[in-house]
Amino acid sequence: WIIRYLHANGASMFFICLFIHVGRGLYYGSYTFLETWNIGIILLFTVMATAFMGYVLPWGQMSFWGATV
């Protein structure tokens, strides 16, 4: 059970860090570098899709992490 809780909290912290990183880019105007920004957005969507596929879809219902976040 400890691994499950560490994994759930680690995944949540990872996404919080991602959102902070995007927010920092918005604050400092990094979106003006279109190629770099678009690659980052593609990576963000890929990470979100991977999390969705790994946590929500396998059992046809939301898992612990998907239900709590």
N, C-alpha and C. Protein backbone atom coordinates (compact mmCIF):
# COMPACT_ATOMS: atom_id res chain seq x y z
N TRP A 1 0.81 -1.20 0.00
CA TRP A 1 0.00 0.00 0.00
C TRP A 1 0.85 1.26 0.00
N ILE A 2 2.06 1.17 0.60
CA ILE A 2 2.91 2.37 0.64
C ILE A 2 3.37 2.76 -0.76
N ILE A 3 3.62 1.76 -1.59
CA ILE A 3 4.04 2.05 -2.97
C ILE A 3 2.90 2.73 -3.73
N ARG A 4 1.68 2.28 -3.49
CA ARG A 4 0.52 2.87 -4.16
C ARG A 4 0.37 4.34 -3.77
N TYR A 5 0.51 4.64 -2.47
CA TYR A 5 0.38 6.03 -2.03
C TYR A 5 1.53 6.90 -2.52
N LEU A 6 2.75 6.36 -2.50
CA LEU A 6 3.89 7.12 -3.02
C LEU A 6 3.72 7.40 -4.51
N HIS A 7 3.23 6.41 -5.23
CA HIS A 7 3.04 6.58 -6.67
C HIS A 7 1.94 7.59 -6.96
N ALA A 8 0.85 7.53 -6.21
CA ALA A 8 -0.24 8.48 -6.42
C ALA A 8 0.20 9.91 -6.10
N ASN A 9 0.87 10.09 -4.97
CA ASN A 9 1.33 11.43 -4.60
C ASN A 9 2.44 11.91 -5.53
N GLY A 10 3.32 11.01 -5.95
CA GLY A 10 4.38 11.39 -6.88
C GLY A 10 3.82 11.82 -8.22
N ALA A 11 2.80 11.11 -8.70
CA ALA A 11 2.18 11.49 -9.97
C ALA A 11 1.51 12.86 -9.85
N SER A 12 0.85 13.09 -8.73
CA SER A 12 0.21 14.39 -8.52
C SER A 12 1.25 15.51 -8.47
N MET A 13 2.34 15.27 -7.76
CA MET A 13 3.41 16.28 -7.67
C MET A 13 4.04 16.53 -9.03
N PHE A 14 4.19 15.46 -9.83
CA PHE A 14 4.75 15.61 -11.17
C PHE A 14 3.89 16.55 -12.01
N PHE A 15 2.58 16.37 -11.95
CA PHE A 15 1.70 17.24 -12.74
C PHE A 15 1.66 18.65 -12.18
N ILE A 16 1.76 18.80 -10.87
CA ILE A 16 1.83 20.14 -10.29
C ILE A 16 3.08 20.85 -10.79
N CYS A 17 4.20 20.12 -10.82
CA CYS A 17 5.45 20.70 -11.34
C CYS A 17 5.31 21.07 -12.81
N LEU A 18 4.64 20.23 -13.59
CA LEU A 18 4.43 20.55 -15.00
C LEU A 18 3.61 21.83 -15.15
N PHE A 19 2.54 21.96 -14.37
CA PHE A 19 1.70 23.14 -14.49
C PHE A 19 2.43 24.39 -14.01
N ILE A 20 3.25 24.27 -12.98
CA ILE A 20 4.06 25.40 -12.54
C ILE A 20 5.04 25.80 -13.63
N HIS A 21 5.62 24.81 -14.29
CA HIS A 21 6.57 25.07 -15.37
C HIS A 21 5.88 25.81 -16.53
N VAL A 22 4.68 25.38 -16.89
CA VAL A 22 3.93 26.06 -17.95
C VAL A 22 3.56 27.48 -17.50
N GLY A 23 3.14 27.62 -16.25
CA GLY A 23 2.80 28.94 -15.74
C GLY A 23 3.98 29.89 -15.74
N ARG A 24 5.15 29.36 -15.42
CA ARG A 24 6.36 30.19 -15.46
C ARG A 24 6.63 30.64 -16.89
N GLY A 25 6.43 29.72 -17.85
CA GLY A 25 6.62 30.09 -19.25
C GLY A 25 5.65 31.16 -19.70
N LEU A 26 4.41 31.08 -19.23
CA LEU A 26 3.43 32.11 -19.56
C LEU A 26 3.81 33.45 -18.94
N TYR A 27 4.25 33.41 -17.69
CA TYR A 27 4.61 34.64 -16.98
C TYR A 27 5.78 35.36 -17.66
N TYR A 28 6.79 34.59 -18.07
CA TYR A 28 7.98 35.20 -18.66
C TYR A 28 7.89 35.35 -20.17
N GLY A 29 6.75 35.02 -20.77
CA GLY A 29 6.56 35.24 -22.20
C GLY A 29 7.31 34.27 -23.09
N SER A 30 7.53 33.06 -22.62
CA SER A 30 8.26 32.08 -23.42
C SER A 30 7.45 31.59 -24.61
N TYR A 31 6.15 31.88 -24.62
CA TYR A 31 5.31 31.45 -25.74
C TYR A 31 5.67 32.16 -27.04
N THR A 32 6.51 33.17 -26.97
CA THR A 32 6.93 33.85 -28.20
C THR A 32 7.88 32.99 -29.02
N PHE A 33 8.53 32.02 -28.39
CA PHE A 33 9.37 31.06 -29.11
C PHE A 33 8.46 29.92 -29.56
N LEU A 34 7.81 30.10 -30.72
CA LEU A 34 6.72 29.22 -31.11
C LEU A 34 7.13 27.77 -31.25
N GLU A 35 8.27 27.50 -31.86
CA GLU A 35 8.66 26.11 -32.07
C GLU A 35 8.88 25.40 -30.73
N THR A 36 9.62 26.03 -29.84
CA THR A 36 9.88 25.44 -28.53
C THR A 36 8.58 25.29 -27.73
N TRP A 37 7.74 26.32 -27.77
CA TRP A 37 6.48 26.27 -27.02
C TRP A 37 5.58 25.15 -27.53
N ASN A 38 5.48 25.02 -28.86
CA ASN A 38 4.61 23.98 -29.43
C ASN A 38 5.12 22.58 -29.11
N ILE A 39 6.43 22.39 -29.10
CA ILE A 39 6.99 21.09 -28.71
C ILE A 39 6.64 20.80 -27.25
N GLY A 40 6.73 21.81 -26.40
CA GLY A 40 6.37 21.63 -25.00
C GLY A 40 4.90 21.28 -24.81
N ILE A 41 4.04 21.92 -25.59
CA ILE A 41 2.60 21.62 -25.50
C ILE A 41 2.33 20.19 -25.97
N ILE A 42 3.00 19.77 -27.03
CA ILE A 42 2.85 18.39 -27.50
C ILE A 42 3.31 17.41 -26.42
N LEU A 43 4.43 17.70 -25.78
CA LEU A 43 4.90 16.84 -24.70
C LEU A 43 3.92 16.82 -23.52
N LEU A 44 3.36 17.98 -23.18
CA LEU A 44 2.38 18.04 -22.09
C LEU A 44 1.16 17.18 -22.41
N PHE A 45 0.63 17.31 -23.63
CA PHE A 45 -0.53 16.50 -24.01
C PHE A 45 -0.19 15.02 -24.04
N THR A 46 1.03 14.68 -24.47
CA THR A 46 1.44 13.28 -24.49
C THR A 46 1.51 12.72 -23.08
N VAL A 47 2.06 13.48 -22.15
CA VAL A 47 2.13 13.03 -20.75
C VAL A 47 0.72 12.88 -20.17
N MET A 48 -0.16 13.83 -20.47
CA MET A 48 -1.53 13.73 -19.96
C MET A 48 -2.26 12.53 -20.56
N ALA A 49 -2.04 12.27 -21.84
CA ALA A 49 -2.68 11.11 -22.48
C ALA A 49 -2.14 9.81 -21.91
N THR A 50 -0.84 9.77 -21.64
CA THR A 50 -0.25 8.57 -21.04
C THR A 50 -0.82 8.32 -19.66
N ALA A 51 -0.96 9.38 -18.87
CA ALA A 51 -1.54 9.23 -17.53
C ALA A 51 -2.99 8.76 -17.63
N PHE A 52 -3.72 9.30 -18.59
CA PHE A 52 -5.12 8.89 -18.76
C PHE A 52 -5.21 7.42 -19.14
N MET A 53 -4.36 7.01 -20.09
CA MET A 53 -4.38 5.61 -20.53
C MET A 53 -3.95 4.67 -19.40
N GLY A 54 -3.02 5.10 -18.58
CA GLY A 54 -2.49 4.22 -17.55
C GLY A 54 -3.34 4.13 -16.30
N TYR A 55 -4.11 5.17 -16.01
CA TYR A 55 -4.83 5.20 -14.73
C TYR A 55 -6.34 5.09 -14.87
N VAL A 56 -6.90 5.55 -15.95
CA VAL A 56 -8.35 5.60 -16.05
C VAL A 56 -8.90 4.46 -16.90
N LEU A 57 -8.25 4.15 -18.00
CA LEU A 57 -8.84 3.22 -18.95
C LEU A 57 -8.66 1.73 -18.68
N PRO A 58 -7.59 1.26 -18.02
CA PRO A 58 -7.35 -0.19 -18.00
C PRO A 58 -8.49 -1.03 -17.45
N TRP A 59 -9.19 -0.57 -16.43
CA TRP A 59 -10.24 -1.38 -15.83
C TRP A 59 -11.63 -0.87 -16.18
N GLY A 60 -11.70 0.10 -17.07
CA GLY A 60 -13.00 0.64 -17.43
C GLY A 60 -13.61 1.52 -16.36
N GLN A 61 -12.82 1.89 -15.38
CA GLN A 61 -13.30 2.77 -14.33
C GLN A 61 -12.12 3.58 -13.81
N MET A 62 -12.40 4.62 -13.07
CA MET A 62 -11.33 5.45 -12.55
C MET A 62 -10.64 4.73 -11.39
N SER A 63 -9.33 4.80 -11.39
CA SER A 63 -8.57 4.18 -10.32
C SER A 63 -8.46 5.14 -9.13
N PHE A 64 -7.66 4.76 -8.14
CA PHE A 64 -7.50 5.59 -6.95
C PHE A 64 -6.96 6.97 -7.31
N TRP A 65 -5.89 7.02 -8.11
CA TRP A 65 -5.30 8.31 -8.47
C TRP A 65 -6.27 9.14 -9.30
N GLY A 66 -6.92 8.50 -10.27
CA GLY A 66 -7.85 9.23 -11.12
C GLY A 66 -9.04 9.76 -10.34
N ALA A 67 -9.46 9.04 -9.32
CA ALA A 67 -10.62 9.47 -8.54
C ALA A 67 -10.26 10.56 -7.54
N THR A 68 -9.02 10.57 -7.06
CA THR A 68 -8.66 11.55 -6.04
C THR A 68 -8.10 12.83 -6.63
N VAL A 69 -7.66 12.80 -7.86
CA VAL A 69 -7.09 13.98 -8.50
C VAL A 69 -8.03 14.50 -9.54
